[in-house]
Amino acid sequence: MLTKTRFSVPPLGVDVFDGPLEGLVLGDAEFTSDEEALGFVPPPECVAEVTDDARFTGRRLVETSRHELVAWLGEYGIRLKASR
């Protein structure tokens, strides 16, 4: 089971995950135009761009173990504890 809390921080929806994915925080931005998207500057807390990484989609995350998540984040230079 995948559990998360979603926060609205316009223009971002921020998902904070619980359970085996605890420590993962994903921001999802939506824009009404290409110009708006191109003008977006991510906040400094955003440390990796995973838009094109299919591993970070909801369907895939539901099936993801903590061990896998730790490995994936490691590819981005992000260290997450292997166990909660």
PDB file of N, CA and C in Angstrom:
ATOM      1  N   MET A   1       0.844  -1.177   0.000  1.00  0.00           N
ATOM      2  CA  MET A   1       0.000   0.000   0.000  1.00  0.00           C
ATOM      3  C   MET A   1       0.888   1.240   0.000  1.00  0.00           C
ATOM      4  N   LEU A   2       0.537   2.185  -0.800  1.00  0.00           N
ATOM      5  CA  LEU A   2       1.256   3.441  -0.916  1.00  0.00           C
ATOM      6  C   LEU A   2       0.458   4.512  -0.190  1.00  0.00           C
ATOM      7  N   THR A   3       1.102   5.209   0.754  1.00  0.00           N
ATOM      8  CA  THR A   3       0.427   6.307   1.435  1.00  0.00           C
ATOM      9  C   THR A   3       1.285   7.561   1.344  1.00  0.00           C
ATOM     10  N   LYS A   4       0.586   8.672   1.193  1.00  0.00           N
ATOM     11  CA  LYS A   4       1.268   9.959   1.088  1.00  0.00           C
ATOM     12  C   LYS A   4       0.318  11.057   1.521  1.00  0.00           C
ATOM     13  N   THR A   5       0.892  12.189   1.820  1.00  0.00           N
ATOM     14  CA  THR A   5       0.121  13.390   2.116  1.00  0.00           C
ATOM     15  C   THR A   5       0.469  14.399   1.034  1.00  0.00           C
ATOM     16  N   ARG A   6      -0.556  15.014   0.451  1.00  0.00           N
ATOM     17  CA  ARG A   6      -0.328  16.005  -0.597  1.00  0.00           C
ATOM     18  C   ARG A   6      -0.553  17.396  -0.028  1.00  0.00           C
ATOM     19  N   PHE A   7       0.403  18.267  -0.296  1.00  0.00           N
ATOM     20  CA  PHE A   7       0.325  19.666   0.096  1.00  0.00           C
ATOM     21  C   PHE A   7       0.269  20.513  -1.165  1.00  0.00           C
ATOM     22  N   SER A   8      -0.479  21.588  -1.116  1.00  0.00           N
ATOM     23  CA  SER A   8      -0.549  22.518  -2.232  1.00  0.00           C
ATOM     24  C   SER A   8       0.348  23.708  -1.937  1.00  0.00           C
ATOM     25  N   VAL A   9       1.387  23.851  -2.752  1.00  0.00           N
ATOM     26  CA  VAL A   9       2.320  24.964  -2.649  1.00  0.00           C
ATOM     27  C   VAL A   9       2.467  25.507  -4.067  1.00  0.00           C
ATOM     28  N   PRO A  10       1.442  26.267  -4.535  1.00  0.00           N
ATOM     29  CA  PRO A  10       1.393  26.679  -5.936  1.00  0.00           C
ATOM     30  C   PRO A  10       2.723  27.238  -6.436  1.00  0.00           C
ATOM     31  N   PRO A  11       3.126  26.830  -7.624  1.00  0.00           N
ATOM     32  CA  PRO A  11       2.413  25.987  -8.575  1.00  0.00           C
ATOM     33  C   PRO A  11       2.654  24.484  -8.358  1.00  0.00           C
ATOM     34  N   LEU A  12       3.149  24.117  -7.207  1.00  0.00           N
ATOM     35  CA  LEU A  12       3.476  22.715  -6.956  1.00  0.00           C
ATOM     36  C   LEU A  12       2.427  22.008  -6.118  1.00  0.00           C
ATOM     37  N   GLY A  13       2.228  20.741  -6.423  1.00  0.00           N
ATOM     38  CA  GLY A  13       1.592  19.809  -5.514  1.00  0.00           C
ATOM     39  C   GLY A  13       2.739  19.003  -4.941  1.00  0.00           C
ATOM     40  N   VAL A  14       2.862  18.939  -3.642  1.00  0.00           N
ATOM     41  CA  VAL A  14       3.997  18.275  -3.009  1.00  0.00           C
ATOM     42  C   VAL A  14       3.494  17.033  -2.287  1.00  0.00           C
ATOM     43  N   ASP A  15       4.026  15.868  -2.678  1.00  0.00           N
ATOM     44  CA  ASP A  15       3.655  14.595  -2.072  1.00  0.00           C
ATOM     45  C   ASP A  15       4.750  14.146  -1.116  1.00  0.00           C
ATOM     46  N   VAL A  16       4.357  13.914   0.140  1.00  0.00           N
ATOM     47  CA  VAL A  16       5.271  13.428   1.172  1.00  0.00           C
ATOM     48  C   VAL A  16       4.843  11.999   1.491  1.00  0.00           C
ATOM     49  N   PHE A  17       5.719  11.060   1.202  1.00  0.00           N
ATOM     50  CA  PHE A  17       5.382   9.641   1.300  1.00  0.00           C
ATOM     51  C   PHE A  17       5.640   9.086   2.693  1.00  0.00           C
ATOM     52  N   ASP A  18       4.826   8.078   3.050  1.00  0.00           N
ATOM     53  CA  ASP A  18       4.943   7.368   4.322  1.00  0.00           C
ATOM     54  C   ASP A  18       5.329   5.922   4.036  1.00  0.00           C
ATOM     55  N   GLY A  19       5.393   5.140   5.096  1.00  0.00           N
ATOM     56  CA  GLY A  19       5.649   3.706   4.958  1.00  0.00           C
ATOM     57  C   GLY A  19       7.013   3.434   4.370  1.00  0.00           C
ATOM     58  N   PRO A  20       7.104   2.424   3.505  1.00  0.00           N
ATOM     59  CA  PRO A  20       8.401   2.040   2.937  1.00  0.00           C
ATOM     60  C   PRO A  20       9.070   3.152   2.128  1.00  0.00           C
ATOM     61  N   LEU A  21       8.290   4.120   1.663  1.00  0.00           N
ATOM     62  CA  LEU A  21       8.855   5.214   0.865  1.00  0.00           C
ATOM     63  C   LEU A  21       9.088   6.474   1.697  1.00  0.00           C
ATOM     64  N   GLU A  22       9.033   6.334   3.018  1.00  0.00           N
ATOM     65  CA  GLU A  22       9.241   7.488   3.898  1.00  0.00           C
ATOM     66  C   GLU A  22      10.569   8.159   3.582  1.00  0.00           C
ATOM     67  N   GLY A  23      10.521   9.474   3.466  1.00  0.00           N
ATOM     68  CA  GLY A  23      11.697  10.253   3.094  1.00  0.00           C
ATOM     69  C   GLY A  23      11.628  10.756   1.661  1.00  0.00           C
ATOM     70  N   LEU A  24      10.769  10.128   0.851  1.00  0.00           N
ATOM     71  CA  LEU A  24      10.592  10.575  -0.531  1.00  0.00           C
ATOM     72  C   LEU A  24       9.581  11.704  -0.556  1.00  0.00           C
ATOM     73  N   VAL A  25       9.979  12.803  -1.185  1.00  0.00           N
ATOM     74  CA  VAL A  25       9.106  13.963  -1.361  1.00  0.00           C
ATOM     75  C   VAL A  25       9.173  14.333  -2.836  1.00  0.00           C
ATOM     76  N   LEU A  26       8.018  14.327  -3.489  1.00  0.00           N
ATOM     77  CA  LEU A  26       7.957  14.668  -4.911  1.00  0.00           C
ATOM     78  C   LEU A  26       7.100  15.904  -5.114  1.00  0.00           C
ATOM     79  N   GLY A  27       7.572  16.797  -5.959  1.00  0.00           N
ATOM     80  CA  GLY A  27       6.800  17.976  -6.338  1.00  0.00           C
ATOM     81  C   GLY A  27       6.324  17.821  -7.767  1.00  0.00           C
ATOM     82  N   ASP A  28       5.069  18.175  -7.990  1.00  0.00           N
ATOM     83  CA  ASP A  28       4.460  18.063  -9.315  1.00  0.00           C
ATOM     84  C   ASP A  28       3.946  19.448  -9.692  1.00  0.00           C
ATOM     85  N   ALA A  29       4.490  20.010 -10.771  1.00  0.00           N
ATOM     86  CA  ALA A  29       4.078  21.344 -11.206  1.00  0.00           C
ATOM     87  C   ALA A  29       3.222  21.245 -12.458  1.00  0.00           C
ATOM     88  N   GLU A  30       2.191  22.058 -12.513  1.00  0.00           N
ATOM     89  CA  GLU A  30       1.347  22.143 -13.709  1.00  0.00           C
ATOM     90  C   GLU A  30       1.253  23.599 -14.132  1.00  0.00           C
ATOM     91  N   PHE A  31       1.297  23.791 -15.440  1.00  0.00           N
ATOM     92  CA  PHE A  31       1.297  25.141 -15.977  1.00  0.00           C
ATOM     93  C   PHE A  31       0.238  25.267 -17.061  1.00  0.00           C
ATOM     94  N   THR A  32      -0.224  26.493 -17.280  1.00  0.00           N
ATOM     95  CA  THR A  32      -1.254  26.736 -18.278  1.00  0.00           C
ATOM     96  C   THR A  32      -0.674  27.097 -19.643  1.00  0.00           C
ATOM     97  N   SER A  33       0.654  27.346 -19.692  1.00  0.00           N
ATOM     98  CA  SER A  33       1.280  27.682 -20.973  1.00  0.00           C
ATOM     99  C   SER A  33       2.737  27.236 -20.971  1.00  0.00           C
ATOM    100  N   ASP A  34       3.295  27.129 -22.174  1.00  0.00           N
ATOM    101  CA  ASP A  34       4.711  26.788 -22.304  1.00  0.00           C
ATOM    102  C   ASP A  34       5.578  27.887 -21.701  1.00  0.00           C
ATOM    103  N   GLU A  35       5.169  29.120 -21.883  1.00  0.00           N
ATOM    104  CA  GLU A  35       5.937  30.250 -21.348  1.00  0.00           C
ATOM    105  C   GLU A  35       6.002  30.186 -19.822  1.00  0.00           C
ATOM    106  N   GLU A  36       4.870  29.858 -19.222  1.00  0.00           N
ATOM    107  CA  GLU A  36       4.827  29.732 -17.764  1.00  0.00           C
ATOM    108  C   GLU A  36       5.760  28.613 -17.301  1.00  0.00           C
ATOM    109  N   ALA A  37       5.741  27.505 -17.998  1.00  0.00           N
ATOM    110  CA  ALA A  37       6.600  26.373 -17.644  1.00  0.00           C
ATOM    111  C   ALA A  37       8.074  26.736 -17.807  1.00  0.00           C
ATOM    112  N   LEU A  38       8.402  27.408 -18.897  1.00  0.00           N
ATOM    113  CA  LEU A  38       9.795  27.786 -19.136  1.00  0.00           C
ATOM    114  C   LEU A  38      10.295  28.807 -18.119  1.00  0.00           C
ATOM    115  N   GLY A  39       9.390  29.607 -17.577  1.00  0.00           N
ATOM    116  CA  GLY A  39       9.768  30.622 -16.592  1.00  0.00           C
ATOM    117  C   GLY A  39       9.842  30.098 -15.167  1.00  0.00           C
ATOM    118  N   PHE A  40       9.458  28.840 -14.970  1.00  0.00           N
ATOM    119  CA  PHE A  40       9.452  28.266 -13.620  1.00  0.00           C
ATOM    120  C   PHE A  40      10.870  28.016 -13.123  1.00  0.00           C
ATOM    121  N   VAL A  41      11.145  28.512 -11.934  1.00  0.00           N
ATOM    122  CA  VAL A  41      12.420  28.258 -11.276  1.00  0.00           C
ATOM    123  C   VAL A  41      12.112  27.415 -10.046  1.00  0.00           C
ATOM    124  N   PRO A  42      12.580  26.161 -10.028  1.00  0.00           N
ATOM    125  CA  PRO A  42      12.297  25.304  -8.877  1.00  0.00           C
ATOM    126  C   PRO A  42      12.898  25.888  -7.602  1.00  0.00           C
ATOM    127  N   PRO A  43      12.228  25.699  -6.472  1.00  0.00           N
ATOM    128  CA  PRO A  43      12.802  26.166  -5.209  1.00  0.00           C
ATOM    129  C   PRO A  43      14.088  25.394  -4.901  1.00  0.00           C
ATOM    130  N   PRO A  44      14.956  25.969  -4.084  1.00  0.00           N
ATOM    131  CA  PRO A  44      16.244  25.325  -3.797  1.00  0.00           C
ATOM    132  C   PRO A  44      16.106  23.949  -3.147  1.00  0.00           C
ATOM    133  N   GLU A  45      14.966  23.667  -2.542  1.00  0.00           N
ATOM    134  CA  GLU A  45      14.745  22.363  -1.926  1.00  0.00           C
ATOM    135  C   GLU A  45      14.589  21.249  -2.954  1.00  0.00           C
ATOM    136  N   CYS A  46      14.334  21.605  -4.199  1.00  0.00           N
ATOM    137  CA  CYS A  46      14.216  20.612  -5.274  1.00  0.00           C
ATOM    138  C   CYS A  46      15.628  20.207  -5.676  1.00  0.00           C
ATOM    139  N   VAL A  47      15.948  18.944  -5.467  1.00  0.00           N
ATOM    140  CA  VAL A  47      17.332  18.518  -5.688  1.00  0.00           C
ATOM    141  C   VAL A  47      17.516  17.616  -6.901  1.00  0.00           C
ATOM    142  N   ALA A  48      16.431  17.153  -7.520  1.00  0.00           N
ATOM    143  CA  ALA A  48      16.560  16.296  -8.699  1.00  0.00           C
ATOM    144  C   ALA A  48      15.321  16.423  -9.566  1.00  0.00           C
ATOM    145  N   GLU A  49      15.521  16.348 -10.858  1.00  0.00           N
ATOM    146  CA  GLU A  49      14.431  16.376 -11.836  1.00  0.00           C
ATOM    147  C   GLU A  49      14.160  14.942 -12.267  1.00  0.00           C
ATOM    148  N   VAL A  50      12.961  14.435 -11.954  1.00  0.00           N
ATOM    149  CA  VAL A  50      12.636  13.039 -12.266  1.00  0.00           C
ATOM    150  C   VAL A  50      11.445  12.914 -13.214  1.00  0.00           C
ATOM    151  N   THR A  51      11.088  14.004 -13.879  1.00  0.00           N
ATOM    152  CA  THR A  51       9.927  14.003 -14.762  1.00  0.00           C
ATOM    153  C   THR A  51       9.964  12.869 -15.773  1.00  0.00           C
ATOM    154  N   ASP A  52      11.109  12.629 -16.363  1.00  0.00           N
ATOM    155  CA  ASP A  52      11.215  11.618 -17.414  1.00  0.00           C
ATOM    156  C   ASP A  52      11.650  10.250 -16.895  1.00  0.00           C
ATOM    157  N   ASP A  53      11.671  10.077 -15.592  1.00  0.00           N
ATOM    158  CA  ASP A  53      12.072   8.804 -14.993  1.00  0.00           C
ATOM    159  C   ASP A  53      10.818   8.038 -14.594  1.00  0.00           C
ATOM    160  N   ALA A  54      10.459   7.039 -15.377  1.00  0.00           N
ATOM    161  CA  ALA A  54       9.216   6.285 -15.162  1.00  0.00           C
ATOM    162  C   ALA A  54       9.162   5.589 -13.809  1.00  0.00           C
ATOM    163  N   ARG A  55      10.299   5.425 -13.159  1.00  0.00           N
ATOM    164  CA  ARG A  55      10.303   4.776 -11.839  1.00  0.00           C
ATOM    165  C   ARG A  55       9.571   5.615 -10.793  1.00  0.00           C
ATOM    166  N   PHE A  56       9.444   6.912 -11.034  1.00  0.00           N
ATOM    167  CA  PHE A  56       8.823   7.795 -10.055  1.00  0.00           C
ATOM    168  C   PHE A  56       7.374   8.121 -10.383  1.00  0.00           C
ATOM    169  N   THR A  57       6.714   7.238 -11.097  1.00  0.00           N
ATOM    170  CA  THR A  57       5.282   7.373 -11.359  1.00  0.00           C
ATOM    171  C   THR A  57       4.519   6.593 -10.293  1.00  0.00           C
ATOM    172  N   GLY A  58       3.278   6.984 -10.060  1.00  0.00           N
ATOM    173  CA  GLY A  58       2.473   6.343  -9.015  1.00  0.00           C
ATOM    174  C   GLY A  58       2.382   4.842  -9.167  1.00  0.00           C
ATOM    175  N   ARG A  59       2.128   4.394 -10.379  1.00  0.00           N
ATOM    176  CA  ARG A  59       1.989   2.951 -10.610  1.00  0.00           C
ATOM    177  C   ARG A  59       3.251   2.200 -10.207  1.00  0.00           C
ATOM    178  N   ARG A  60       4.384   2.718 -10.575  1.00  0.00           N
ATOM    179  CA  ARG A  60       5.650   2.044 -10.265  1.00  0.00           C
ATOM    180  C   ARG A  60       5.977   2.157  -8.780  1.00  0.00           C
ATOM    181  N   LEU A  61       5.700   3.309  -8.182  1.00  0.00           N
ATOM    182  CA  LEU A  61       6.022   3.493  -6.769  1.00  0.00           C
ATOM    183  C   LEU A  61       5.233   2.546  -5.867  1.00  0.00           C
ATOM    184  N   VAL A  62       4.017   2.203  -6.267  1.00  0.00           N
ATOM    185  CA  VAL A  62       3.201   1.278  -5.480  1.00  0.00           C
ATOM    186  C   VAL A  62       3.913  -0.061  -5.316  1.00  0.00           C
ATOM    187  N   GLU A  63       4.678  -0.456  -6.306  1.00  0.00           N
ATOM    188  CA  GLU A  63       5.348  -1.756  -6.303  1.00  0.00           C
ATOM    189  C   GLU A  63       6.795  -1.683  -5.832  1.00  0.00           C
ATOM    190  N   THR A  64       7.244  -0.513  -5.382  1.00  0.00           N
ATOM    191  CA  THR A  64       8.646  -0.283  -5.070  1.00  0.00           C
ATOM    192  C   THR A  64       8.977  -0.597  -3.614  1.00  0.00           C
ATOM    193  N   SER A  65      10.076  -1.300  -3.428  1.00  0.00           N
ATOM    194  CA  SER A  65      10.562  -1.567  -2.071  1.00  0.00           C
ATOM    195  C   SER A  65      11.457  -0.413  -1.627  1.00  0.00           C
ATOM    196  N   ARG A  66      11.673  -0.327  -0.348  1.00  0.00           N
ATOM    197  CA  ARG A  66      12.567   0.702   0.172  1.00  0.00           C
ATOM    198  C   ARG A  66      13.970   0.518  -0.403  1.00  0.00           C
ATOM    199  N   HIS A  67      14.400  -0.720  -0.497  1.00  0.00           N
ATOM    200  CA  HIS A  67      15.727  -1.012  -1.037  1.00  0.00           C
ATOM    201  C   HIS A  67      15.863  -0.450  -2.465  1.00  0.00           C
ATOM    202  N   GLU A  68      14.846  -0.650  -3.295  1.00  0.00           N
ATOM    203  CA  GLU A  68      14.870  -0.115  -4.663  1.00  0.00           C
ATOM    204  C   GLU A  68      14.908   1.407  -4.650  1.00  0.00           C
ATOM    205  N   LEU A  69      14.068   2.006  -3.801  1.00  0.00           N
ATOM    206  CA  LEU A  69      14.016   3.469  -3.723  1.00  0.00           C
ATOM    207  C   LEU A  69      15.378   4.040  -3.336  1.00  0.00           C
ATOM    208  N   VAL A  70      16.007   3.442  -2.339  1.00  0.00           N
ATOM    209  CA  VAL A  70      17.329   3.907  -1.900  1.00  0.00           C
ATOM    210  C   VAL A  70      18.317   3.848  -3.068  1.00  0.00           C
ATOM    211  N   ALA A  71      18.280   2.771  -3.841  1.00  0.00           N
ATOM    212  CA  ALA A  71      19.177   2.630  -4.994  1.00  0.00           C
ATOM    213  C   ALA A  71      18.881   3.679  -6.059  1.00  0.00           C
ATOM    214  N   TRP A  72      17.610   3.868  -6.372  1.00  0.00           N
ATOM    215  CA  TRP A  72      17.242   4.851  -7.400  1.00  0.00           C
ATOM    216  C   TRP A  72      17.691   6.251  -7.009  1.00  0.00           C
ATOM    217  N   LEU A  73      17.409   6.628  -5.761  1.00  0.00           N
ATOM    218  CA  LEU A  73      17.793   7.965  -5.316  1.00  0.00           C
ATOM    219  C   LEU A  73      19.306   8.126  -5.316  1.00  0.00           C
ATOM    220  N   GLY A  74      20.014   7.040  -5.014  1.00  0.00           N
ATOM    221  CA  GLY A  74      21.470   7.072  -5.058  1.00  0.00           C
ATOM    222  C   GLY A  74      21.997   7.452  -6.429  1.00  0.00           C
ATOM    223  N   GLU A  75      21.283   7.055  -7.484  1.00  0.00           N
ATOM    224  CA  GLU A  75      21.685   7.432  -8.846  1.00  0.00           C
ATOM    225  C   GLU A  75      21.621   8.940  -9.055  1.00  0.00           C
ATOM    226  N   TYR A  76      20.830   9.615  -8.260  1.00  0.00           N
ATOM    227  CA  TYR A  76      20.707  11.072  -8.323  1.00  0.00           C
ATOM    228  C   TYR A  76      21.590  11.760  -7.287  1.00  0.00           C
ATOM    229  N   GLY A  77      22.399  10.984  -6.577  1.00  0.00           N
ATOM    230  CA  GLY A  77      23.278  11.553  -5.545  1.00  0.00           C
ATOM    231  C   GLY A  77      22.547  11.857  -4.249  1.00  0.00           C
ATOM    232  N   ILE A  78      21.371  11.261  -4.076  1.00  0.00           N
ATOM    233  CA  ILE A  78      20.561  11.507  -2.874  1.00  0.00           C
ATOM    234  C   ILE A  78      20.681  10.293  -1.967  1.00  0.00           C
ATOM    235  N   ARG A  79      21.040  10.534  -0.716  1.00  0.00           N
ATOM    236  CA  ARG A  79      21.203   9.451   0.237  1.00  0.00           C
ATOM    237  C   ARG A  79      19.980   9.384   1.135  1.00  0.00           C
ATOM    238  N   LEU A  80      19.414   8.209   1.205  1.00  0.00           N
ATOM    239  CA  LEU A  80      18.250   7.941   2.049  1.00  0.00           C
ATOM    240  C   LEU A  80      18.597   6.713   2.872  1.00  0.00           C
ATOM    241  N   LYS A  81      18.227   6.703   4.131  1.00  0.00           N
ATOM    242  CA  LYS A  81      18.506   5.546   4.979  1.00  0.00           C
ATOM    243  C   LYS A  81      17.837   4.311   4.399  1.00  0.00           C
ATOM    244  N   ALA A  82      18.559   3.215   4.434  1.00  0.00           N
ATOM    245  CA  ALA A  82      18.031   1.961   3.895  1.00  0.00           C
ATOM    246  C   ALA A  82      16.853   1.449   4.705  1.00  0.00           C
ATOM    247  N   SER A  83      16.826   1.709   5.987  1.00  0.00           N
ATOM    248  CA  SER A  83      15.693   1.285   6.815  1.00  0.00           C
ATOM    249  C   SER A  83      15.148   2.481   7.570  1.00  0.00           C
ATOM    250  N   ARG A  84      13.856   2.379   7.881  1.00  0.00           N
ATOM    251  CA  ARG A  84      13.204   3.492   8.567  1.00  0.00           C
ATOM    252  C   ARG A  84      13.476   3.423  10.031  1.00  0.00           C
TER     253      ARG A  84
END
